């Protein structure tokens, strides 16, 4: 078989269809923390629709639920723990300079 004809043959590999992340019985609600926490990154950001594999309507409902949970202090707005970890050497270097005359 020629090389040009081989390029157009379909591969017969089967693929496993992924399960949807939200089942039909799951309620998208700000109180359902086990469901909401799956759609938030480690930094506390809302993951995109492509990453979550959600429909547009589900993504909108998840976004609203996350924002409601943040306002009610069930979720943090940011999860930046590295921001507060500073070594003592950098803390002393940022002090005010005094001008000697």
PDB file of N, CA and C in Angstrom:
ATOM      1  N   UNK A   1       0.841  -1.180   0.000  1.00  0.00           N
ATOM      2  CA  UNK A   1       0.000   0.000   0.000  1.00  0.00           C
ATOM      3  C   UNK A   1       0.888   1.246   0.000  1.00  0.00           C
ATOM      4  N   UNK A   2       0.495   2.223  -0.778  1.00  0.00           N
ATOM      5  CA  UNK A   2       1.306   3.429  -0.871  1.00  0.00           C
ATOM      6  C   UNK A   2       1.196   4.266   0.397  1.00  0.00           C
ATOM      7  N   UNK A   3       2.187   5.114   0.556  1.00  0.00           N
ATOM      8  CA  UNK A   3       2.234   5.960   1.747  1.00  0.00           C
ATOM      9  C   UNK A   3       1.070   6.949   1.794  1.00  0.00           C
ATOM     10  N   UNK A   4       0.679   7.490   0.651  1.00  0.00           N
ATOM     11  CA  UNK A   4      -0.384   8.489   0.620  1.00  0.00           C
ATOM     12  C   UNK A   4      -1.739   7.882   0.996  1.00  0.00           C
ATOM     13  N   UNK A   5      -1.974   6.617   0.664  1.00  0.00           N
ATOM     14  CA  UNK A   5      -3.247   5.973   0.994  1.00  0.00           C
ATOM     15  C   UNK A   5      -3.316   5.613   2.479  1.00  0.00           C
ATOM     16  N   UNK A   6      -2.171   5.335   3.085  1.00  0.00           N
ATOM     17  CA  UNK A   6      -2.157   4.964   4.492  1.00  0.00           C
ATOM     18  C   UNK A   6      -2.536   6.128   5.404  1.00  0.00           C
ATOM     19  N   UNK A   7      -2.292   7.350   4.965  1.00  0.00           N
ATOM     20  CA  UNK A   7      -2.576   8.501   5.802  1.00  0.00           C
ATOM     21  C   UNK A   7      -4.071   8.697   6.048  1.00  0.00           C
ATOM     22  N   UNK A   8      -4.896   8.264   5.094  1.00  0.00           N
ATOM     23  CA  UNK A   8      -6.313   8.537   5.189  1.00  0.00           C
ATOM     24  C   UNK A   8      -7.112   7.407   5.836  1.00  0.00           C
ATOM     25  N   UNK A   9      -6.454   6.331   6.208  1.00  0.00           N
ATOM     26  CA  UNK A   9      -7.148   5.246   6.884  1.00  0.00           C
ATOM     27  C   UNK A   9      -7.429   5.633   8.324  1.00  0.00           C
ATOM     28  N   UNK A  10      -8.633   5.343   8.774  1.00  0.00           N
ATOM     29  CA  UNK A  10      -8.989   5.645  10.156  1.00  0.00           C
ATOM     30  C   UNK A  10      -8.400   4.591  11.082  1.00  0.00           C
ATOM     31  N   UNK A  11      -7.973   5.040  12.213  1.00  0.00           N
ATOM     32  CA  UNK A  11      -7.485   4.074  13.188  1.00  0.00           C
ATOM     33  C   UNK A  11      -8.680   3.420  13.866  1.00  0.00           C
ATOM     34  N   UNK A  12      -8.534   2.169  14.217  1.00  0.00           N
ATOM     35  CA  UNK A  12      -9.640   1.440  14.806  1.00  0.00           C
ATOM     36  C   UNK A  12      -9.502   1.329  16.317  1.00  0.00           C
ATOM     37  N   UNK A  13      -8.758   2.292  16.906  1.00  0.00           N
ATOM     38  CA  UNK A  13      -8.634   2.270  18.356  1.00  0.00           C
ATOM     39  C   UNK A  13      -9.940   2.717  18.997  1.00  0.00           C
ATOM     40  N   UNK A  14     -10.370   2.021  19.992  1.00  0.00           N
ATOM     41  CA  UNK A  14     -11.581   2.423  20.701  1.00  0.00           C
ATOM     42  C   UNK A  14     -11.186   3.382  21.828  1.00  0.00           C
ATOM     43  N   UNK A  15     -12.087   4.222  22.184  1.00  0.00           N
ATOM     44  CA  UNK A  15     -11.831   5.140  23.278  1.00  0.00           C
ATOM     45  C   UNK A  15     -12.923   4.996  24.327  1.00  0.00           C
ATOM     46  N   UNK A  16     -12.545   5.289  25.544  1.00  0.00           N
ATOM     47  CA  UNK A  16     -13.491   5.201  26.646  1.00  0.00           C
ATOM     48  C   UNK A  16     -14.108   6.563  26.882  1.00  0.00           C
ATOM     49  N   UNK A  17     -15.388   6.638  26.805  1.00  0.00           N
ATOM     50  CA  UNK A  17     -16.070   7.916  27.006  1.00  0.00           C
ATOM     51  C   UNK A  17     -16.018   8.278  28.484  1.00  0.00           C
ATOM     52  N   UNK A  18     -15.620   9.518  28.756  1.00  0.00           N
ATOM     53  CA  UNK A  18     -15.529   9.947  30.152  1.00  0.00           C
ATOM     54  C   UNK A  18     -16.915  10.205  30.725  1.00  0.00           C
ATOM     55  N   UNK A  19     -17.045   9.928  31.991  1.00  0.00           N
ATOM     56  CA  UNK A  19     -18.316  10.177  32.650  1.00  0.00           C
ATOM     57  C   UNK A  19     -18.480  11.673  32.895  1.00  0.00           C
ATOM     58  N   UNK A  20     -19.694  12.180  32.828  1.00  0.00           N
ATOM     59  CA  UNK A  20     -19.887  13.608  33.102  1.00  0.00           C
ATOM     60  C   UNK A  20     -19.589  13.904  34.573  1.00  0.00           C
ATOM     61  N   UNK A  21     -18.999  15.066  34.860  1.00  0.00           N
ATOM     62  CA  UNK A  21     -18.631  15.378  36.237  1.00  0.00           C
ATOM     63  C   UNK A  21     -19.826  15.624  37.156  1.00  0.00           C
ATOM     64  N   UNK A  22     -20.940  16.044  36.588  1.00  0.00           N
ATOM     65  CA  UNK A  22     -22.144  16.272  37.392  1.00  0.00           C
ATOM     66  C   UNK A  22     -23.191  15.257  36.953  1.00  0.00           C
ATOM     67  N   UNK A  23     -23.634  14.442  37.880  1.00  0.00           N
ATOM     68  CA  UNK A  23     -24.658  13.454  37.580  1.00  0.00           C
ATOM     69  C   UNK A  23     -26.027  14.127  37.559  1.00  0.00           C
ATOM     70  N   UNK A  24     -27.017  13.441  37.051  1.00  0.00           N
ATOM     71  CA  UNK A  24     -28.347  14.028  36.925  1.00  0.00           C
ATOM     72  C   UNK A  24     -28.988  14.291  38.288  1.00  0.00           C
ATOM     73  N   UNK A  25     -28.627  13.528  39.299  1.00  0.00           N
ATOM     74  CA  UNK A  25     -29.220  13.706  40.622  1.00  0.00           C
ATOM     75  C   UNK A  25     -28.549  14.768  41.477  1.00  0.00           C
ATOM     76  N   UNK A  26     -27.363  15.242  41.070  1.00  0.00           N
ATOM     77  CA  UNK A  26     -26.639  16.237  41.861  1.00  0.00           C
ATOM     78  C   UNK A  26     -27.303  17.608  41.739  1.00  0.00           C
ATOM     79  N   UNK A  27     -27.467  18.272  42.891  1.00  0.00           N
ATOM     80  CA  UNK A  27     -27.987  19.640  42.880  1.00  0.00           C
ATOM     81  C   UNK A  27     -26.819  20.600  42.921  1.00  0.00           C
ATOM     82  N   UNK A  28     -26.831  21.570  42.035  1.00  0.00           N
ATOM     83  CA  UNK A  28     -25.796  22.597  42.027  1.00  0.00           C
ATOM     84  C   UNK A  28     -26.270  23.695  42.963  1.00  0.00           C
ATOM     85  N   UNK A  29     -25.666  23.729  44.149  1.00  0.00           N
ATOM     86  CA  UNK A  29     -26.104  24.645  45.191  1.00  0.00           C
ATOM     87  C   UNK A  29     -24.877  25.124  45.949  1.00  0.00           C
ATOM     88  N   UNK A  30     -24.945  26.310  46.538  1.00  0.00           N
ATOM     89  CA  UNK A  30     -23.805  26.847  47.272  1.00  0.00           C
ATOM     90  C   UNK A  30     -23.515  26.054  48.538  1.00  0.00           C
ATOM     91  N   UNK A  31     -24.456  25.276  49.022  1.00  0.00           N
ATOM     92  CA  UNK A  31     -24.237  24.475  50.231  1.00  0.00           C
ATOM     93  C   UNK A  31     -23.580  23.131  49.941  1.00  0.00           C
ATOM     94  N   UNK A  32     -23.571  22.707  48.694  1.00  0.00           N
ATOM     95  CA  UNK A  32     -23.006  21.417  48.300  1.00  0.00           C
ATOM     96  C   UNK A  32     -21.501  21.589  48.081  1.00  0.00           C
ATOM     97  N   UNK A  33     -20.745  21.626  49.181  1.00  0.00           N
ATOM     98  CA  UNK A  33     -19.314  21.930  49.111  1.00  0.00           C
ATOM     99  C   UNK A  33     -18.512  20.817  48.452  1.00  0.00           C
ATOM    100  N   UNK A  34     -18.945  19.580  48.572  1.00  0.00           N
ATOM    101  CA  UNK A  34     -18.199  18.483  47.940  1.00  0.00           C
ATOM    102  C   UNK A  34     -18.253  18.595  46.418  1.00  0.00           C
ATOM    103  N   UNK A  35     -19.365  19.077  45.894  1.00  0.00           N
ATOM    104  CA  UNK A  35     -19.485  19.259  44.452  1.00  0.00           C
ATOM    105  C   UNK A  35     -18.728  20.503  43.994  1.00  0.00           C
ATOM    106  N   UNK A  36     -18.888  21.593  44.714  1.00  0.00           N
ATOM    107  CA  UNK A  36     -18.270  22.876  44.320  1.00  0.00           C
ATOM    108  C   UNK A  36     -16.750  22.790  44.354  1.00  0.00           C
ATOM    109  N   UNK A  37     -16.200  22.113  45.345  1.00  0.00           N
ATOM    110  CA  UNK A  37     -14.743  22.087  45.500  1.00  0.00           C
ATOM    111  C   UNK A  37     -14.039  21.363  44.355  1.00  0.00           C
ATOM    112  N   UNK A  38     -14.756  20.546  43.590  1.00  0.00           N
ATOM    113  CA  UNK A  38     -14.153  19.878  42.433  1.00  0.00           C
ATOM    114  C   UNK A  38     -13.871  20.837  41.287  1.00  0.00           C
ATOM    115  N   UNK A  39     -14.541  21.991  41.266  1.00  0.00           N
ATOM    116  CA  UNK A  39     -14.430  22.931  40.154  1.00  0.00           C
ATOM    117  C   UNK A  39     -13.616  24.167  40.508  1.00  0.00           C
ATOM    118  N   UNK A  40     -12.828  24.080  41.576  1.00  0.00           N
ATOM    119  CA  UNK A  40     -11.978  25.192  42.008  1.00  0.00           C
ATOM    120  C   UNK A  40     -10.536  24.715  42.006  1.00  0.00           C
ATOM    121  N   UNK A  41      -9.623  25.580  41.517  1.00  0.00           N
ATOM    122  CA  UNK A  41      -8.209  25.218  41.491  1.00  0.00           C
ATOM    123  C   UNK A  41      -7.611  25.355  42.889  1.00  0.00           C
ATOM    124  N   UNK A  42      -6.341  25.001  43.016  1.00  0.00           N
ATOM    125  CA  UNK A  42      -5.665  25.099  44.315  1.00  0.00           C
ATOM    126  C   UNK A  42      -5.523  26.537  44.782  1.00  0.00           C
ATOM    127  N   UNK A  43      -5.452  27.472  43.829  1.00  0.00           N
ATOM    128  CA  UNK A  43      -5.353  28.881  44.189  1.00  0.00           C
ATOM    129  C   UNK A  43      -6.705  29.481  44.544  1.00  0.00           C
ATOM    130  N   UNK A  44      -7.789  28.747  44.335  1.00  0.00           N
ATOM    131  CA  UNK A  44      -9.119  29.242  44.641  1.00  0.00           C
ATOM    132  C   UNK A  44      -9.829  29.818  43.435  1.00  0.00           C
ATOM    133  N   UNK A  45      -9.292  29.612  42.240  1.00  0.00           N
ATOM    134  CA  UNK A  45      -9.911  30.140  41.031  1.00  0.00           C
ATOM    135  C   UNK A  45     -10.927  29.143  40.476  1.00  0.00           C
ATOM    136  N   UNK A  46     -11.931  29.671  39.787  1.00  0.00           N
ATOM    137  CA  UNK A  46     -12.929  28.833  39.140  1.00  0.00           C
ATOM    138  C   UNK A  46     -12.316  28.280  37.852  1.00  0.00           C
ATOM    139  N   UNK A  47     -12.374  26.963  37.686  1.00  0.00           N
ATOM    140  CA  UNK A  47     -11.805  26.342  36.493  1.00  0.00           C
ATOM    141  C   UNK A  47     -12.695  26.585  35.284  1.00  0.00           C
ATOM    142  N   UNK A  48     -12.099  26.573  34.111  1.00  0.00           N
ATOM    143  CA  UNK A  48     -12.838  26.869  32.887  1.00  0.00           C
ATOM    144  C   UNK A  48     -13.745  25.709  32.492  1.00  0.00           C
ATOM    145  N   UNK A  49     -14.607  25.987  31.560  1.00  0.00           N
ATOM    146  CA  UNK A  49     -15.564  24.999  31.101  1.00  0.00           C
ATOM    147  C   UNK A  49     -14.910  23.839  30.379  1.00  0.00           C
ATOM    148  N   UNK A  50     -13.843  24.125  29.650  1.00  0.00           N
ATOM    149  CA  UNK A  50     -13.127  23.052  28.946  1.00  0.00           C
ATOM    150  C   UNK A  50     -12.479  22.083  29.920  1.00  0.00           C
ATOM    151  N   UNK A  51     -11.926  22.613  30.997  1.00  0.00           N
ATOM    152  CA  UNK A  51     -11.267  21.767  31.996  1.00  0.00           C
ATOM    153  C   UNK A  51     -12.307  20.942  32.750  1.00  0.00           C
ATOM    154  N   UNK A  52     -13.431  21.574  33.077  1.00  0.00           N
ATOM    155  CA  UNK A  52     -14.471  20.901  33.853  1.00  0.00           C
ATOM    156  C   UNK A  52     -15.304  19.919  33.050  1.00  0.00           C
ATOM    157  N   UNK A  53     -15.334  20.095  31.708  1.00  0.00           N
ATOM    158  CA  UNK A  53     -16.175  19.298  30.819  1.00  0.00           C
ATOM    159  C   UNK A  53     -17.657  19.450  31.193  1.00  0.00           C
ATOM    160  N   UNK A  54     -18.072  20.701  31.388  1.00  0.00           N
ATOM    161  CA  UNK A  54     -19.457  20.999  31.733  1.00  0.00           C
ATOM    162  C   UNK A  54     -20.164  21.636  30.553  1.00  0.00           C
ATOM    163  N   UNK A  55     -21.493  21.601  30.594  1.00  0.00           N
ATOM    164  CA  UNK A  55     -22.259  22.348  29.618  1.00  0.00           C
ATOM    165  C   UNK A  55     -22.273  23.817  30.039  1.00  0.00           C
ATOM    166  N   UNK A  56     -22.725  24.670  29.142  1.00  0.00           N
ATOM    167  CA  UNK A  56     -22.746  26.094  29.428  1.00  0.00           C
ATOM    168  C   UNK A  56     -23.665  26.415  30.609  1.00  0.00           C
ATOM    169  N   UNK A  57     -24.815  25.780  30.642  1.00  0.00           N
ATOM    170  CA  UNK A  57     -25.767  26.009  31.736  1.00  0.00           C
ATOM    171  C   UNK A  57     -25.205  25.529  33.072  1.00  0.00           C
ATOM    172  N   UNK A  58     -24.547  24.368  33.077  1.00  0.00           N
ATOM    173  CA  UNK A  58     -23.954  23.851  34.314  1.00  0.00           C
ATOM    174  C   UNK A  58     -22.830  24.755  34.793  1.00  0.00           C
ATOM    175  N   UNK A  59     -22.011  25.273  33.853  1.00  0.00           N
ATOM    176  CA  UNK A  59     -20.906  26.144  34.241  1.00  0.00           C
ATOM    177  C   UNK A  59     -21.429  27.433  34.860  1.00  0.00           C
ATOM    178  N   UNK A  60     -22.496  27.979  34.311  1.00  0.00           N
ATOM    179  CA  UNK A  60     -23.092  29.191  34.881  1.00  0.00           C
ATOM    180  C   UNK A  60     -23.601  28.936  36.294  1.00  0.00           C
ATOM    181  N   UNK A  61     -24.282  27.811  36.492  1.00  0.00           N
ATOM    182  CA  UNK A  61     -24.806  27.480  37.820  1.00  0.00           C
ATOM    183  C   UNK A  61     -23.679  27.243  38.822  1.00  0.00           C
ATOM    184  N   UNK A  62     -22.608  26.584  38.387  1.00  0.00           N
ATOM    185  CA  UNK A  62     -21.453  26.353  39.265  1.00  0.00           C
ATOM    186  C   UNK A  62     -20.820  27.685  39.653  1.00  0.00           C
ATOM    187  N   UNK A  63     -20.669  28.593  38.685  1.00  0.00           N
ATOM    188  CA  UNK A  63     -20.065  29.893  38.953  1.00  0.00           C
ATOM    189  C   UNK A  63     -20.889  30.684  39.950  1.00  0.00           C
ATOM    190  N   UNK A  64     -22.202  30.686  39.782  1.00  0.00           N
ATOM    191  CA  UNK A  64     -23.078  31.400  40.712  1.00  0.00           C
ATOM    192  C   UNK A  64     -22.997  30.787  42.098  1.00  0.00           C
ATOM    193  N   UNK A  65     -22.968  29.457  42.170  1.00  0.00           N
ATOM    194  CA  UNK A  65     -22.897  28.775  43.474  1.00  0.00           C
ATOM    195  C   UNK A  65     -21.575  29.075  44.177  1.00  0.00           C
ATOM    196  N   UNK A  66     -20.466  29.117  43.428  1.00  0.00           N
ATOM    197  CA  UNK A  66     -19.160  29.414  44.026  1.00  0.00           C
ATOM    198  C   UNK A  66     -19.135  30.840  44.548  1.00  0.00           C
ATOM    199  N   UNK A  67     -19.678  31.767  43.770  1.00  0.00           N
ATOM    200  CA  UNK A  67     -19.691  33.168  44.194  1.00  0.00           C
ATOM    201  C   UNK A  67     -20.568  33.367  45.427  1.00  0.00           C
ATOM    202  N   UNK A  68     -21.699  32.678  45.501  1.00  0.00           N
ATOM    203  CA  UNK A  68     -22.548  32.762  46.688  1.00  0.00           C
ATOM    204  C   UNK A  68     -21.848  32.190  47.907  1.00  0.00           C
ATOM    205  N   UNK A  69     -21.132  31.073  47.723  1.00  0.00           N
ATOM    206  CA  UNK A  69     -20.417  30.457  48.839  1.00  0.00           C
ATOM    207  C   UNK A  69     -19.283  31.358  49.318  1.00  0.00           C
ATOM    208  N   UNK A  70     -18.640  32.078  48.400  1.00  0.00           N
ATOM    209  CA  UNK A  70     -17.584  33.015  48.796  1.00  0.00           C
ATOM    210  C   UNK A  70     -18.150  34.176  49.594  1.00  0.00           C
ATOM    211  N   UNK A  71     -19.293  34.709  49.159  1.00  0.00           N
ATOM    212  CA  UNK A  71     -19.900  35.840  49.856  1.00  0.00           C
ATOM    213  C   UNK A  71     -20.339  35.434  51.260  1.00  0.00           C
ATOM    214  N   UNK A  72     -20.818  34.223  51.408  1.00  0.00           N
ATOM    215  CA  UNK A  72     -21.267  33.735  52.719  1.00  0.00           C
ATOM    216  C   UNK A  72     -20.123  33.154  53.552  1.00  0.00           C
ATOM    217  N   UNK A  73     -18.897  33.328  53.088  1.00  0.00           N
ATOM    218  CA  UNK A  73     -17.678  32.884  53.779  1.00  0.00           C
ATOM    219  C   UNK A  73     -17.589  31.373  53.936  1.00  0.00           C
ATOM    220  N   UNK A  74     -18.218  30.634  53.048  1.00  0.00           N
ATOM    221  CA  UNK A  74     -18.054  29.189  53.043  1.00  0.00           C
ATOM    222  C   UNK A  74     -16.803  28.788  52.274  1.00  0.00           C
ATOM    223  N   UNK A  75     -16.388  29.651  51.332  1.00  0.00           N
ATOM    224  CA  UNK A  75     -15.174  29.447  50.549  1.00  0.00           C
ATOM    225  C   UNK A  75     -14.326  30.708  50.619  1.00  0.00           C
ATOM    226  N   UNK A  76     -13.002  30.575  50.591  1.00  0.00           N
ATOM    227  CA  UNK A  76     -12.164  31.778  50.543  1.00  0.00           C
ATOM    228  C   UNK A  76     -12.148  32.372  49.134  1.00  0.00           C
ATOM    229  N   UNK A  77     -11.969  33.695  49.065  1.00  0.00           N
ATOM    230  CA  UNK A  77     -11.840  34.331  47.757  1.00  0.00           C
ATOM    231  C   UNK A  77     -10.512  33.956  47.113  1.00  0.00           C
ATOM    232  N   UNK A  78      -9.446  33.948  47.910  1.00  0.00           N
ATOM    233  CA  UNK A  78      -8.120  33.549  47.435  1.00  0.00           C
ATOM    234  C   UNK A  78      -7.556  32.509  48.373  1.00  0.00           C
ATOM    235  N   UNK A  79      -6.748  31.639  47.833  1.00  0.00           N
ATOM    236  CA  UNK A  79      -6.055  30.651  48.650  1.00  0.00           C
ATOM    237  C   UNK A  79      -4.565  30.819  48.403  1.00  0.00           C
ATOM    238  N   UNK A  80      -4.012  31.928  48.864  1.00  0.00           N
ATOM    239  CA  UNK A  80      -2.614  32.267  48.623  1.00  0.00           C
ATOM    240  C   UNK A  80      -1.833  32.126  49.922  1.00  0.00           C
ATOM    241  N   UNK A  81      -1.467  30.919  50.287  1.00  0.00           N
ATOM    242  CA  UNK A  81      -0.737  30.715  51.535  1.00  0.00           C
ATOM    243  C   UNK A  81       0.714  31.146  51.406  1.00  0.00           C
ATOM    244  N   UNK A  82       1.278  31.129  50.197  1.00  0.00           N
ATOM    245  CA  UNK A  82       2.673  31.519  50.007  1.00  0.00           C
ATOM    246  C   UNK A  82       2.874  33.013  50.235  1.00  0.00           C
ATOM    247  N   UNK A  83       1.821  33.789  50.080  1.00  0.00           N
ATOM    248  CA  UNK A  83       1.917  35.229  50.247  1.00  0.00           C
ATOM    249  C   UNK A  83       2.305  35.586  51.678  1.00  0.00           C
ATOM    250  N   UNK A  84       1.832  34.819  52.646  1.00  0.00           N
ATOM    251  CA  UNK A  84       2.075  35.130  54.043  1.00  0.00           C
ATOM    252  C   UNK A  84       3.345  34.506  54.592  1.00  0.00           C
ATOM    253  N   UNK A  85       3.968  33.615  53.846  1.00  0.00           N
ATOM    254  CA  UNK A  85       5.206  32.977  54.291  1.00  0.00           C
ATOM    255  C   UNK A  85       6.391  33.777  53.771  1.00  0.00           C
ATOM    256  N   UNK A  86       6.938  34.638  54.611  1.00  0.00           N
ATOM    257  CA  UNK A  86       8.107  35.424  54.220  1.00  0.00           C
ATOM    258  C   UNK A  86       9.211  35.162  55.224  1.00  0.00           C
ATOM    259  N   UNK A  87      10.398  35.093  54.718  1.00  0.00           N
ATOM    260  CA  UNK A  87      11.518  34.866  55.617  1.00  0.00           C
ATOM    261  C   UNK A  87      11.883  36.178  56.305  1.00  0.00           C
ATOM    262  N   UNK A  88      12.609  36.096  57.398  1.00  0.00           N
ATOM    263  CA  UNK A  88      12.960  37.289  58.167  1.00  0.00           C
ATOM    264  C   UNK A  88      13.958  38.169  57.427  1.00  0.00           C
ATOM    265  N   UNK A  89      14.762  37.583  56.558  1.00  0.00           N
ATOM    266  CA  UNK A  89      15.756  38.376  55.836  1.00  0.00           C
ATOM    267  C   UNK A  89      15.097  39.348  54.863  1.00  0.00           C
ATOM    268  N   UNK A  90      13.999  38.935  54.227  1.00  0.00           N
ATOM    269  CA  UNK A  90      13.324  39.846  53.305  1.00  0.00           C
ATOM    270  C   UNK A  90      12.503  40.885  54.055  1.00  0.00           C
ATOM    271  N   UNK A  91      12.039  40.556  55.253  1.00  0.00           N
ATOM    272  CA  UNK A  91      11.243  41.509  56.018  1.00  0.00           C
ATOM    273  C   UNK A  91      12.111  42.678  56.489  1.00  0.00           C
ATOM    274  N   UNK A  92      13.370  42.440  56.848  1.00  0.00           N
ATOM    275  CA  UNK A  92      14.247  43.519  57.300  1.00  0.00           C
ATOM    276  C   UNK A  92      14.757  44.376  56.163  1.00  0.00           C
ATOM    277  N   UNK A  93      14.847  43.820  54.987  1.00  0.00           N
ATOM    278  CA  UNK A  93      15.378  44.565  53.848  1.00  0.00           C
ATOM    279  C   UNK A  93      14.368  45.567  53.285  1.00  0.00           C
ATOM    280  N   UNK A  94      13.106  45.403  53.613  1.00  0.00           N
ATOM    281  CA  UNK A  94      12.083  46.285  53.047  1.00  0.00           C
ATOM    282  C   UNK A  94      11.779  47.481  53.952  1.00  0.00           C
ATOM    283  N   UNK A  95      12.531  47.683  54.997  1.00  0.00           N
ATOM    284  CA  UNK A  95      12.301  48.802  55.916  1.00  0.00           C
ATOM    285  C   UNK A  95      12.620  50.147  55.278  1.00  0.00           C
ATOM    286  N   UNK A  96      12.232  51.226  55.948  1.00  0.00           N
ATOM    287  CA  UNK A  96      12.467  52.562  55.422  1.00  0.00           C
ATOM    288  C   UNK A  96      13.945  52.933  55.534  1.00  0.00           C
ATOM    289  N   UNK A  97      14.397  53.676  54.574  1.00  0.00           N
ATOM    290  CA  UNK A  97      15.802  54.132  54.586  1.00  0.00           C
ATOM    291  C   UNK A  97      15.875  55.450  55.340  1.00  0.00           C
ATOM    292  N   UNK A  98      16.934  55.624  56.071  1.00  0.00           N
ATOM    293  CA  UNK A  98      17.156  56.908  56.752  1.00  0.00           C
ATOM    294  C   UNK A  98      18.306  57.617  56.046  1.00  0.00           C
ATOM    295  N   UNK A  99      18.139  58.919  55.885  1.00  0.00           N
ATOM    296  CA  UNK A  99      19.150  59.700  55.202  1.00  0.00           C
ATOM    297  C   UNK A  99      20.043  60.349  56.248  1.00  0.00           C
ATOM    298  N   UNK A 100      21.346  60.083  56.191  1.00  0.00           N
ATOM    299  CA  UNK A 100      22.313  60.657  57.125  1.00  0.00           C
ATOM    300  C   UNK A 100      22.961  61.884  56.508  1.00  0.00           C
ATOM    301  N   UNK A 101      22.870  63.012  57.216  1.00  0.00           N
ATOM    302  CA  UNK A 101      23.490  64.249  56.698  1.00  0.00           C
ATOM    303  C   UNK A 101      24.634  64.692  57.561  1.00  0.00           C
TER     304      UNK A 101
END
